Protein backbone atom coordinates (compact mmCIF):
# COMPACT_ATOMS: atom_id res chain seq x y z
CA MET A 1 80.92 -4.46 -0.84
CA ALA A 2 80.37 -6.87 2.06
CA ASP A 3 82.28 -4.63 4.48
CA GLU A 4 80.07 -1.67 3.63
CA LEU A 5 76.89 -3.38 4.82
CA PRO A 6 75.93 -3.95 8.46
CA GLU A 7 75.81 -7.56 9.68
CA SER A 8 72.86 -7.17 12.04
CA ALA A 9 69.67 -9.19 12.19
CA PRO A 10 66.81 -9.84 14.60
CA PRO A 11 67.72 -12.22 17.45
CA GLY A 12 67.57 -15.90 16.57
CA ILE A 13 68.02 -15.33 12.81
CA ASP A 14 70.65 -17.49 11.11
CA THR A 15 72.64 -15.19 8.84
CA SER A 16 75.27 -17.83 8.07
CA THR A 17 73.00 -19.73 5.69
CA PRO A 18 72.14 -17.94 2.43
CA THR A 19 68.53 -17.57 1.32
CA PHE A 20 67.24 -16.84 -2.15
CA ALA A 21 65.23 -13.85 -0.89
CA ARG A 22 68.41 -12.15 0.33
CA VAL A 23 70.48 -13.14 -2.73
CA TYR A 24 67.65 -11.69 -4.86
CA ASP A 25 67.71 -8.55 -2.72
CA TYR A 26 71.44 -8.22 -3.39
CA PHE A 27 70.89 -8.63 -7.13
CA LEU A 28 68.31 -5.83 -6.98
CA GLY A 29 70.75 -3.53 -5.18
CA GLY A 30 69.16 -3.90 -1.74
CA LYS A 31 70.92 -3.88 1.64
CA ASP A 32 68.97 -6.56 3.51
CA ASN A 33 71.50 -9.32 2.87
CA PHE A 34 74.47 -10.85 4.65
CA ALA A 35 77.93 -12.19 3.87
CA ALA A 36 76.70 -15.72 3.12
CA ASP A 37 74.13 -14.35 0.66
CA ARG A 38 76.63 -12.11 -1.06
CA GLU A 39 79.14 -14.95 -1.32
CA VAL A 40 76.67 -17.01 -3.37
CA ALA A 41 75.63 -14.00 -5.44
CA ASP A 42 79.25 -13.03 -6.12
CA MET A 43 80.12 -16.57 -7.20
CA VAL A 44 77.28 -16.44 -9.72
CA MET A 45 78.35 -13.00 -10.93
CA GLN A 46 81.95 -14.11 -11.39
CA LEU A 47 80.64 -16.52 -14.00
CA VAL A 48 77.81 -14.34 -15.29
CA PRO A 49 78.41 -10.68 -14.38
CA GLU A 50 75.07 -9.70 -15.85
CA ALA A 51 73.12 -12.10 -13.58
CA PRO A 52 71.21 -9.30 -11.78
CA VAL A 53 69.38 -8.49 -15.01
CA VAL A 54 67.43 -11.73 -14.55
CA ALA A 55 66.10 -10.54 -11.19
CA GLN A 56 65.39 -7.10 -12.62
CA GLY A 57 63.56 -8.56 -15.62
CA ASN A 58 61.48 -10.73 -13.32
CA ARG A 59 60.43 -7.68 -11.32
CA VAL A 60 59.39 -5.80 -14.45
CA ALA A 61 57.27 -8.75 -15.59
CA ILE A 62 55.52 -8.95 -12.22
CA GLY A 63 54.78 -5.23 -12.35
CA ARG A 64 53.33 -5.59 -15.84
CA ALA A 65 51.18 -8.57 -14.81
CA VAL A 66 49.83 -6.95 -11.65
CA ALA A 67 49.03 -3.70 -13.47
CA TYR A 68 47.17 -5.71 -16.12
CA MET A 69 45.13 -7.62 -13.55
CA ALA A 70 44.33 -4.51 -11.53
CA GLY A 71 43.66 -2.24 -14.50
CA GLU A 72 42.22 -4.21 -17.41
CA LEU A 73 40.76 -7.14 -15.48
CA GLY A 74 39.47 -5.14 -12.51
CA ILE A 75 41.01 -7.42 -9.89
CA ASP A 76 41.46 -5.43 -6.69
CA GLN A 77 42.89 -8.04 -4.31
CA PHE A 78 46.17 -9.92 -4.51
CA VAL A 79 48.05 -12.60 -2.62
CA ASP A 80 51.82 -12.67 -3.17
CA ILE A 81 53.26 -16.00 -1.95
CA GLY A 82 57.02 -16.03 -1.52
CA SER A 83 57.06 -12.27 -1.80
CA GLY A 84 60.67 -11.78 -0.72
CA LEU A 85 62.13 -8.65 0.80
CA PRO A 86 60.54 -5.26 0.15
CA THR A 87 62.07 -3.39 -2.78
CA SER A 88 61.60 0.01 -4.35
CA SER A 89 58.69 -1.41 -6.37
CA ASN A 90 56.29 -3.70 -4.54
CA VAL A 91 53.09 -5.44 -5.59
CA HIS A 92 50.68 -3.10 -3.81
CA GLN A 93 52.35 -0.14 -5.54
CA PHE A 94 52.01 -1.81 -8.94
CA ALA A 95 48.39 -2.67 -8.19
CA ARG A 96 47.31 0.65 -6.72
CA SER A 97 48.83 2.59 -9.60
CA ALA A 98 46.23 0.85 -11.78
CA ASN A 99 43.45 0.48 -9.19
CA PRO A 100 43.54 2.75 -6.10
CA ASP A 101 41.29 0.31 -4.21
CA ALA A 102 43.64 -2.66 -4.57
CA ARG A 103 44.66 -4.64 -1.49
CA VAL A 104 47.58 -7.04 -1.09
CA VAL A 105 48.56 -9.80 1.32
CA TYR A 106 52.25 -10.67 1.22
CA VAL A 107 53.29 -14.17 2.35
CA ASP A 108 56.75 -15.47 3.15
CA ASN A 109 58.33 -18.01 5.51
CA ASP A 110 61.70 -16.26 5.97
CA PRO A 111 61.78 -14.54 9.41
CA ILE A 112 63.94 -11.67 8.12
CA VAL A 113 61.57 -11.11 5.19
CA LEU A 114 58.66 -11.16 7.63
CA ALA A 115 60.27 -8.63 9.96
CA HIS A 116 61.14 -6.21 7.17
CA GLY A 117 57.84 -6.73 5.38
CA ARG A 118 55.75 -6.01 8.44
CA ALA A 119 57.78 -2.92 9.18
CA LEU A 120 57.82 -1.50 5.66
CA LEU A 121 54.79 -2.82 3.77
CA THR A 122 51.96 -3.09 6.29
CA GLU A 123 49.36 -0.40 5.68
CA GLN A 124 45.95 -0.53 7.32
CA GLY A 125 43.31 -1.62 4.82
CA VAL A 126 45.83 -1.76 1.98
CA ALA A 127 48.56 -4.31 2.62
CA THR A 128 49.58 -6.80 5.27
CA PHE A 129 52.33 -9.38 5.67
CA ILE A 130 51.80 -12.88 7.05
CA GLN A 131 54.09 -15.82 7.71
CA GLY A 132 53.15 -18.77 5.56
CA ASP A 133 54.54 -21.73 3.67
CA LEU A 134 53.81 -22.56 0.04
CA TYR A 135 53.36 -26.20 1.06
CA ASP A 136 50.57 -25.34 3.52
CA PRO A 137 48.02 -23.33 1.50
CA GLU A 138 45.19 -24.04 3.94
CA LYS A 139 47.04 -22.19 6.69
CA ILE A 140 47.77 -19.28 4.35
CA PHE A 141 44.21 -18.83 3.13
CA ASN A 142 42.67 -19.31 6.58
CA ASP A 143 44.95 -16.80 8.26
CA PRO A 144 42.72 -14.16 9.90
CA ALA A 145 44.97 -11.37 8.62
CA LEU A 146 44.39 -12.58 5.06
CA THR A 147 40.65 -13.18 5.37
CA GLY A 148 40.31 -9.79 7.05
CA LEU A 149 41.68 -8.07 3.95
CA ILE A 150 40.84 -10.43 1.08
CA ASP A 151 37.31 -11.48 0.12
CA LEU A 152 37.74 -15.06 -1.07
CA GLY A 153 34.30 -14.91 -2.67
CA ARG A 154 35.66 -12.60 -5.38
CA PRO A 155 38.50 -13.01 -7.92
CA VAL A 156 42.04 -12.85 -6.59
CA GLY A 157 45.33 -12.17 -8.32
CA LEU A 158 47.79 -14.81 -7.10
CA ILE A 159 51.48 -14.07 -7.54
CA LEU A 160 54.04 -16.89 -7.62
CA ALA A 161 57.12 -14.90 -8.53
CA ALA A 162 60.38 -16.86 -8.66
CA ILE A 163 59.22 -19.37 -6.06
CA ILE A 164 58.16 -22.56 -7.89
CA HIS A 165 61.69 -23.05 -9.19
CA HIS A 166 62.66 -23.83 -5.59
CA VAL A 167 60.25 -26.77 -5.49
CA PRO A 168 62.14 -29.99 -6.32
CA ASP A 169 60.70 -32.51 -8.76
CA GLU A 170 60.11 -35.02 -5.99
CA ARG A 171 57.65 -32.60 -4.37
CA ASP A 172 55.72 -32.32 -7.65
CA PRO A 173 55.63 -28.59 -8.49
CA ALA A 174 52.45 -29.00 -10.57
CA ALA A 175 50.68 -30.48 -7.56
CA VAL A 176 51.99 -27.70 -5.32
CA VAL A 177 50.51 -25.08 -7.65
CA GLY A 178 47.34 -27.11 -8.10
CA ALA A 179 46.82 -27.28 -4.34
CA LEU A 180 46.31 -23.52 -4.37
CA HIS A 181 43.43 -23.65 -6.88
CA PRO A 182 40.64 -24.67 -4.45
CA PHE A 183 41.20 -21.47 -2.48
CA LEU A 184 40.81 -19.25 -5.56
CA PRO A 185 37.35 -18.13 -6.72
CA ALA A 186 36.40 -18.38 -10.39
CA GLY A 187 37.81 -15.46 -12.33
CA SER A 188 41.03 -15.45 -10.33
CA HIS A 189 44.33 -15.15 -12.21
CA VAL A 190 47.74 -16.62 -11.42
CA ILE A 191 51.04 -15.12 -12.59
CA LEU A 192 54.02 -17.44 -12.30
CA THR A 193 57.66 -16.69 -13.09
CA HIS A 194 60.33 -19.38 -13.17
CA LEU A 195 64.00 -19.91 -13.98
CA HIS A 196 64.20 -21.21 -17.54
CA ASP A 197 66.53 -23.81 -19.00
CA SER A 198 66.94 -22.11 -22.37
CA GLY A 199 70.25 -23.75 -23.25
CA ASP A 200 71.39 -20.45 -24.76
CA ASP A 201 74.29 -19.63 -22.43
CA PRO A 202 76.86 -22.27 -21.39
CA ARG A 203 77.90 -20.18 -18.39
CA VAL A 204 74.47 -20.74 -16.90
CA GLU A 205 75.24 -24.42 -16.34
CA GLU A 206 77.88 -23.50 -13.76
CA ALA A 207 75.63 -20.84 -12.27
CA LYS A 208 72.94 -23.50 -11.80
CA LYS A 209 75.35 -25.64 -9.78
CA ILE A 210 76.23 -22.70 -7.52
CA LEU A 211 72.59 -21.84 -6.89
CA GLN A 212 71.64 -25.45 -6.25
CA SER A 213 74.51 -26.07 -3.83
CA GLY A 214 74.43 -22.68 -2.12
CA LEU A 215 70.67 -22.25 -1.79
CA GLY A 216 69.51 -25.83 -1.40
CA GLY A 217 67.80 -25.99 -4.76
CA SER A 218 67.06 -23.64 -7.65
CA TYR A 219 65.77 -25.62 -10.59
CA PHE A 220 65.99 -24.39 -14.18
CA ARG A 221 63.22 -26.05 -16.21
CA HIS A 222 62.10 -26.16 -19.82
CA SER A 223 59.10 -24.09 -20.91
CA SER A 224 57.00 -27.22 -21.51
CA GLN A 225 57.48 -28.27 -17.88
CA ILE A 226 56.61 -24.77 -16.67
CA GLU A 227 53.47 -24.73 -18.80
CA GLY A 228 52.50 -28.00 -17.11
CA PHE A 229 52.55 -26.29 -13.73
CA MET A 230 49.51 -24.29 -14.87
CA GLU A 231 47.38 -27.40 -15.45
CA GLY A 232 43.76 -26.72 -14.51
CA LEU A 233 44.01 -23.06 -15.52
CA THR A 234 43.35 -21.43 -18.88
CA ILE A 235 46.72 -20.10 -20.02
CA LEU A 236 46.49 -16.61 -21.45
CA GLU A 237 48.41 -15.30 -24.44
CA PRO A 238 51.31 -15.25 -25.07
CA GLY A 239 51.73 -18.41 -22.98
CA VAL A 240 55.17 -19.08 -21.53
CA ALA A 241 57.51 -16.32 -22.68
CA ASN A 242 60.77 -14.69 -21.62
CA VAL A 243 60.12 -12.05 -18.98
CA THR A 244 60.76 -9.01 -21.18
CA GLU A 245 58.93 -10.51 -24.16
CA TRP A 246 55.88 -11.49 -22.11
CA ARG A 247 53.02 -9.06 -22.58
CA PRO A 248 49.45 -9.82 -21.50
CA ASN A 249 46.81 -9.04 -24.10
CA GLY A 250 49.22 -7.55 -26.61
CA PRO A 251 52.21 -8.12 -28.90
CA LYS A 252 55.29 -9.41 -27.17
CA GLY A 253 58.11 -7.01 -26.39
CA PRO A 254 61.80 -7.31 -27.23
CA LEU A 255 64.28 -9.66 -25.61
CA GLU A 256 66.12 -6.85 -23.88
CA HIS A 257 69.13 -8.91 -22.80
CA PRO A 258 70.19 -12.49 -23.67
CA LEU A 259 69.98 -13.48 -20.00
CA HIS A 260 66.32 -12.54 -19.89
CA ALA A 261 65.83 -15.88 -21.66
CA GLN A 262 66.73 -17.50 -18.32
CA MET A 263 63.48 -16.37 -16.67
CA VAL A 264 59.98 -16.84 -18.08
CA ALA A 265 56.49 -15.72 -17.14
CA VAL A 266 53.08 -17.29 -17.68
CA MET A 267 49.56 -16.27 -16.60
CA GLY A 268 46.53 -18.50 -16.14
CA ARG A 269 42.86 -17.93 -15.33
CA LYS A 270 40.64 -20.09 -13.15
CA ASP A 271 37.37 -20.52 -15.02
């Protein structure tokens, strides 16, 4: 498959080092990835051929969460931190299908993601893409492109999709999430998805080692730890749940594939 895809990138971009955004893109069937990314992804899939279903399940959960916030909760503005590469289903499409007035700011620190996002997702008055780092929330929320589109005096839907599991324990993931809270008005909601240490599949142990060595850190954590990352927020039902079982404001769905237990979702509200 690697030979079928072009190895071109904007000048100055290092394509020899894999990134999770591009590995994730590969798992979703995208073409914005390079040999180093595919090498890591293929190593994982040699152990766990069904690995892409985790990425796909994560995307479905995000779509469900955003539609719920935009439709039932009436939230019409979203900030997606660590958004990753554009796919066939993006946050502003999920949101605007439920609320035609919804607006989205995408945030990422990967230059390739930024280039593609600005080219494909920017839409005047609807969506914009800014460069930002999860560890510097003040810069994100003070960016003129964000404040020009998002009214920080009204509730915001904050999306932390498959990003906090890249924060090592020594950087205190709960504190990283908590540092975002002061920028969110009351009534804002946060959806967080995270790799889950379910202990259900022994093959996953080897996959963890590949991800951690190849991508510089992807941490599978227990649901109790992940729940702790939402400290300071009111966790909504059904709490921390596998991505296909997680349903806001309703009965949980089925566990569609055993590997969906390796990714969980949780939503919290700032009161």
